[in-house]
Amino acid sequence: MKELSYKDRIKQHLAERWHSFVHSQKGTPLTQPIRATQFTYTIAQNGAIASFTIVQSSGNQAFDQLVKTFLYNYAAPFPRIPQALGVTEYTPTGLMDFVFPT
């Protein structure tokens, strides 16, 4: 079985935690209607969030804040950056939509 790249490990990490988090929030006013926030972020060597920027708001400030809270308080810490990458910070490429499904 092929080992996942660091980028794929981060995506998997986020997806697993977001899935659990979404289910804990079902039925709250923030989840209706479907909302999506796009953001970029940078991970520090130790797995902490080094930076976070909303690229496209969901249009609901409370939901956008919920996404930020999720990233800092539920998703972090991320897996440590492998020394083989030779960097002290890692910014995943591409945008990630965080959506609450109906």
N, C-alpha and C. Protein backbone atom coordinates (compact mmCIF):
# COMPACT_ATOMS: atom_id res chain seq x y z
N MET A 1 0.84 -1.18 0.00
CA MET A 1 0.00 0.00 0.00
C MET A 1 0.89 1.25 0.00
N LYS A 2 0.62 2.16 -0.92
CA LYS A 2 1.43 3.36 -1.05
C LYS A 2 1.16 4.32 0.11
N GLU A 3 2.23 4.90 0.64
CA GLU A 3 2.11 5.87 1.72
C GLU A 3 1.55 7.17 1.16
N LEU A 4 0.64 7.79 1.93
CA LEU A 4 0.04 9.05 1.50
C LEU A 4 1.07 10.18 1.55
N SER A 5 0.97 11.09 0.60
CA SER A 5 1.80 12.29 0.65
C SER A 5 1.35 13.14 1.83
N TYR A 6 2.20 14.08 2.23
CA TYR A 6 1.82 14.95 3.34
C TYR A 6 0.54 15.72 2.99
N LYS A 7 0.43 16.22 1.78
CA LYS A 7 -0.78 16.95 1.35
C LYS A 7 -2.01 16.06 1.50
N ASP A 8 -1.93 14.81 1.08
CA ASP A 8 -3.06 13.90 1.19
C ASP A 8 -3.37 13.56 2.65
N ARG A 9 -2.34 13.45 3.47
CA ARG A 9 -2.56 13.21 4.90
C ARG A 9 -3.31 14.37 5.54
N ILE A 10 -2.97 15.60 5.13
CA ILE A 10 -3.64 16.79 5.66
C ILE A 10 -5.10 16.80 5.22
N LYS A 11 -5.36 16.53 3.95
CA LYS A 11 -6.74 16.49 3.45
C LYS A 11 -7.57 15.45 4.21
N GLN A 12 -6.99 14.27 4.40
CA GLN A 12 -7.68 13.21 5.12
C GLN A 12 -7.94 13.62 6.57
N HIS A 13 -6.95 14.22 7.20
CA HIS A 13 -7.06 14.69 8.58
C HIS A 13 -8.23 15.67 8.71
N LEU A 14 -8.28 16.65 7.81
CA LEU A 14 -9.35 17.65 7.85
C LEU A 14 -10.71 17.01 7.59
N ALA A 15 -10.79 16.18 6.58
CA ALA A 15 -12.07 15.56 6.22
C ALA A 15 -12.64 14.73 7.36
N GLU A 16 -11.80 13.95 8.02
CA GLU A 16 -12.26 13.11 9.13
C GLU A 16 -12.77 13.96 10.28
N ARG A 17 -12.04 14.99 10.64
CA ARG A 17 -12.45 15.84 11.75
C ARG A 17 -13.67 16.68 11.40
N TRP A 18 -13.73 17.18 10.15
CA TRP A 18 -14.89 17.98 9.72
C TRP A 18 -16.16 17.12 9.75
N HIS A 19 -16.08 15.88 9.30
CA HIS A 19 -17.22 14.97 9.30
C HIS A 19 -17.77 14.82 10.72
N SER A 20 -16.91 14.57 11.68
CA SER A 20 -17.34 14.42 13.08
C SER A 20 -17.92 15.73 13.61
N PHE A 21 -17.25 16.83 13.29
CA PHE A 21 -17.69 18.14 13.76
C PHE A 21 -19.06 18.49 13.19
N VAL A 22 -19.28 18.24 11.90
CA VAL A 22 -20.56 18.54 11.26
C VAL A 22 -21.69 17.80 11.97
N HIS A 23 -21.47 16.53 12.24
CA HIS A 23 -22.52 15.75 12.89
C HIS A 23 -22.82 16.25 14.30
N SER A 24 -21.85 16.82 14.96
CA SER A 24 -22.11 17.37 16.29
C SER A 24 -22.86 18.70 16.23
N GLN A 25 -22.89 19.33 15.05
CA GLN A 25 -23.54 20.64 14.88
C GLN A 25 -24.88 20.56 14.16
N LYS A 26 -25.31 19.39 13.71
CA LYS A 26 -26.56 19.25 12.95
C LYS A 26 -27.71 19.90 13.70
N GLY A 27 -28.54 20.59 12.93
CA GLY A 27 -29.73 21.19 13.51
C GLY A 27 -29.52 22.58 14.09
N THR A 28 -28.28 23.05 14.14
CA THR A 28 -28.05 24.39 14.65
C THR A 28 -28.40 25.39 13.55
N PRO A 29 -28.77 26.61 13.92
CA PRO A 29 -29.15 27.60 12.91
C PRO A 29 -28.06 27.88 11.88
N LEU A 30 -26.81 27.68 12.23
CA LEU A 30 -25.72 27.96 11.30
C LEU A 30 -25.67 26.98 10.15
N THR A 31 -26.30 25.84 10.29
CA THR A 31 -26.20 24.81 9.25
C THR A 31 -27.30 24.93 8.20
N GLN A 32 -28.23 25.84 8.37
CA GLN A 32 -29.34 25.97 7.42
C GLN A 32 -29.37 27.37 6.86
N PRO A 33 -29.47 27.63 5.58
CA PRO A 33 -29.32 26.65 4.51
C PRO A 33 -27.87 26.23 4.37
N ILE A 34 -27.55 25.47 3.33
CA ILE A 34 -26.17 25.04 3.10
C ILE A 34 -25.28 26.27 3.03
N ARG A 35 -24.17 26.21 3.71
CA ARG A 35 -23.20 27.31 3.70
C ARG A 35 -21.83 26.75 3.35
N ALA A 36 -21.01 27.57 2.69
CA ALA A 36 -19.66 27.14 2.32
C ALA A 36 -18.70 28.32 2.51
N THR A 37 -17.56 28.04 3.07
CA THR A 37 -16.50 29.02 3.27
C THR A 37 -15.24 28.47 2.62
N GLN A 38 -14.55 29.29 1.84
CA GLN A 38 -13.27 28.90 1.25
C GLN A 38 -12.17 29.67 1.99
N PHE A 39 -11.08 28.97 2.27
CA PHE A 39 -9.98 29.61 3.00
C PHE A 39 -8.66 28.98 2.62
N THR A 40 -7.60 29.68 2.97
CA THR A 40 -6.25 29.13 2.88
C THR A 40 -5.66 29.16 4.29
N TYR A 41 -4.69 28.32 4.53
CA TYR A 41 -4.05 28.26 5.84
C TYR A 41 -2.64 27.73 5.70
N THR A 42 -1.85 28.00 6.71
CA THR A 42 -0.47 27.52 6.75
C THR A 42 -0.26 26.75 8.04
N ILE A 43 0.42 25.63 7.92
CA ILE A 43 0.71 24.76 9.07
C ILE A 43 2.16 24.96 9.47
N ALA A 44 2.39 25.17 10.77
CA ALA A 44 3.75 25.31 11.30
C ALA A 44 4.38 23.92 11.46
N GLN A 45 5.69 23.88 11.62
CA GLN A 45 6.44 22.62 11.74
C GLN A 45 5.83 21.69 12.81
N ASN A 46 5.35 22.28 13.91
CA ASN A 46 4.83 21.48 15.01
C ASN A 46 3.38 21.05 14.82
N GLY A 47 2.75 21.43 13.67
CA GLY A 47 1.38 21.03 13.40
C GLY A 47 0.34 22.08 13.77
N ALA A 48 0.77 23.18 14.38
CA ALA A 48 -0.15 24.26 14.74
C ALA A 48 -0.49 25.09 13.50
N ILE A 49 -1.56 25.85 13.57
CA ILE A 49 -1.92 26.76 12.49
C ILE A 49 -1.05 28.01 12.60
N ALA A 50 -0.31 28.32 11.53
CA ALA A 50 0.54 29.50 11.52
C ALA A 50 -0.21 30.71 10.96
N SER A 51 -1.14 30.46 10.02
CA SER A 51 -1.95 31.55 9.47
C SER A 51 -3.24 30.99 8.88
N PHE A 52 -4.23 31.86 8.77
CA PHE A 52 -5.55 31.48 8.27
C PHE A 52 -6.15 32.70 7.59
N THR A 53 -6.66 32.53 6.37
CA THR A 53 -7.29 33.63 5.64
C THR A 53 -8.53 33.12 4.94
N ILE A 54 -9.64 33.81 5.13
CA ILE A 54 -10.86 33.48 4.40
C ILE A 54 -10.73 34.09 3.01
N VAL A 55 -10.87 33.26 1.98
CA VAL A 55 -10.76 33.69 0.60
C VAL A 55 -12.14 34.07 0.06
N GLN A 56 -13.14 33.28 0.42
CA GLN A 56 -14.51 33.60 0.04
C GLN A 56 -15.43 33.26 1.19
N SER A 57 -16.09 34.28 1.70
CA SER A 57 -17.00 34.13 2.83
C SER A 57 -18.24 33.34 2.41
N SER A 58 -18.85 32.71 3.38
CA SER A 58 -20.12 32.03 3.15
C SER A 58 -21.26 33.05 3.06
N GLY A 59 -20.97 34.28 3.46
CA GLY A 59 -22.01 35.29 3.53
C GLY A 59 -22.62 35.38 4.92
N ASN A 60 -22.16 34.50 5.80
CA ASN A 60 -22.65 34.46 7.17
C ASN A 60 -21.43 34.53 8.09
N GLN A 61 -21.26 35.65 8.75
CA GLN A 61 -20.06 35.85 9.58
C GLN A 61 -19.94 34.80 10.69
N ALA A 62 -21.07 34.41 11.25
CA ALA A 62 -21.04 33.40 12.33
C ALA A 62 -20.55 32.05 11.80
N PHE A 63 -20.99 31.67 10.60
CA PHE A 63 -20.52 30.40 10.02
C PHE A 63 -19.04 30.48 9.70
N ASP A 64 -18.59 31.60 9.13
CA ASP A 64 -17.16 31.76 8.83
C ASP A 64 -16.34 31.63 10.11
N GLN A 65 -16.82 32.20 11.20
CA GLN A 65 -16.12 32.10 12.49
C GLN A 65 -16.13 30.65 12.98
N LEU A 66 -17.22 29.94 12.73
CA LEU A 66 -17.30 28.53 13.12
C LEU A 66 -16.24 27.71 12.40
N VAL A 67 -16.03 28.00 11.11
CA VAL A 67 -15.00 27.30 10.34
C VAL A 67 -13.62 27.58 10.93
N LYS A 68 -13.36 28.84 11.25
CA LYS A 68 -12.08 29.21 11.86
C LYS A 68 -11.90 28.51 13.21
N THR A 69 -12.94 28.51 14.01
CA THR A 69 -12.88 27.82 15.31
C THR A 69 -12.60 26.34 15.12
N PHE A 70 -13.28 25.73 14.14
CA PHE A 70 -13.03 24.32 13.85
C PHE A 70 -11.56 24.08 13.53
N LEU A 71 -11.02 24.90 12.65
CA LEU A 71 -9.64 24.70 12.20
C LEU A 71 -8.66 24.80 13.37
N TYR A 72 -8.82 25.83 14.20
CA TYR A 72 -7.88 26.04 15.31
C TYR A 72 -8.12 25.08 16.48
N ASN A 73 -9.39 24.77 16.78
CA ASN A 73 -9.69 24.03 18.00
C ASN A 73 -10.00 22.55 17.81
N TYR A 74 -10.37 22.14 16.60
CA TYR A 74 -10.72 20.74 16.37
C TYR A 74 -9.78 20.05 15.40
N ALA A 75 -9.37 20.75 14.36
CA ALA A 75 -8.49 20.13 13.36
C ALA A 75 -7.04 20.13 13.80
N ALA A 76 -6.61 21.24 14.39
CA ALA A 76 -5.22 21.34 14.86
C ALA A 76 -5.08 20.58 16.17
N PRO A 77 -3.95 20.01 16.45
CA PRO A 77 -2.75 20.06 15.64
C PRO A 77 -2.82 19.08 14.47
N PHE A 78 -2.16 19.45 13.40
CA PHE A 78 -2.03 18.61 12.22
C PHE A 78 -0.81 17.73 12.39
N PRO A 79 -0.69 16.71 11.54
CA PRO A 79 0.55 15.92 11.57
C PRO A 79 1.77 16.85 11.36
N ARG A 80 2.84 16.56 12.07
CA ARG A 80 4.07 17.35 11.91
C ARG A 80 4.55 17.30 10.46
N ILE A 81 5.15 18.37 10.03
CA ILE A 81 5.68 18.43 8.67
C ILE A 81 6.90 17.51 8.60
N PRO A 82 6.91 16.59 7.66
CA PRO A 82 8.07 15.69 7.54
C PRO A 82 9.36 16.47 7.24
N GLN A 83 10.43 16.12 7.91
CA GLN A 83 11.72 16.78 7.67
C GLN A 83 12.14 16.65 6.21
N ALA A 84 11.72 15.58 5.56
CA ALA A 84 12.10 15.35 4.16
C ALA A 84 11.58 16.45 3.23
N LEU A 85 10.53 17.17 3.64
CA LEU A 85 10.02 18.26 2.80
C LEU A 85 10.95 19.47 2.85
N GLY A 86 11.76 19.57 3.90
CA GLY A 86 12.74 20.66 4.00
C GLY A 86 12.15 22.03 4.21
N VAL A 87 10.96 22.10 4.80
CA VAL A 87 10.32 23.39 5.07
C VAL A 87 9.88 23.45 6.53
N THR A 88 9.73 24.67 7.04
CA THR A 88 9.27 24.84 8.42
C THR A 88 7.79 25.22 8.48
N GLU A 89 7.21 25.58 7.34
CA GLU A 89 5.78 25.85 7.24
C GLU A 89 5.27 25.22 5.95
N TYR A 90 4.00 24.84 5.97
CA TYR A 90 3.41 24.20 4.80
C TYR A 90 2.04 24.82 4.55
N THR A 91 1.85 25.32 3.32
CA THR A 91 0.56 25.87 2.91
C THR A 91 -0.01 24.94 1.86
N PRO A 92 -1.07 24.20 2.23
CA PRO A 92 -1.68 23.31 1.24
C PRO A 92 -2.13 24.10 0.01
N THR A 93 -1.94 23.53 -1.16
CA THR A 93 -2.34 24.19 -2.40
C THR A 93 -3.80 23.90 -2.68
N GLY A 94 -4.42 24.82 -3.38
CA GLY A 94 -5.84 24.67 -3.69
C GLY A 94 -6.68 25.14 -2.53
N LEU A 95 -7.90 25.47 -2.83
CA LEU A 95 -8.83 25.92 -1.80
C LEU A 95 -9.65 24.75 -1.31
N MET A 96 -10.08 24.83 -0.09
CA MET A 96 -10.94 23.80 0.47
C MET A 96 -12.26 24.42 0.85
N ASP A 97 -13.35 23.85 0.36
CA ASP A 97 -14.69 24.31 0.75
C ASP A 97 -15.09 23.57 2.00
N PHE A 98 -15.56 24.33 2.97
CA PHE A 98 -16.13 23.71 4.15
C PHE A 98 -17.63 23.93 4.08
N VAL A 99 -18.36 22.85 3.90
CA VAL A 99 -19.79 22.91 3.65
C VAL A 99 -20.52 22.10 4.70
N PHE A 100 -21.63 22.63 5.16
CA PHE A 100 -22.55 21.84 5.98
C PHE A 100 -23.58 21.24 5.04
N PRO A 101 -23.64 19.91 4.97
CA PRO A 101 -24.64 19.28 4.11
C PRO A 101 -26.02 19.35 4.74
N THR A 102 -27.05 19.21 3.91
CA THR A 102 -28.41 19.20 4.46
C THR A 102 -28.77 17.81 4.87
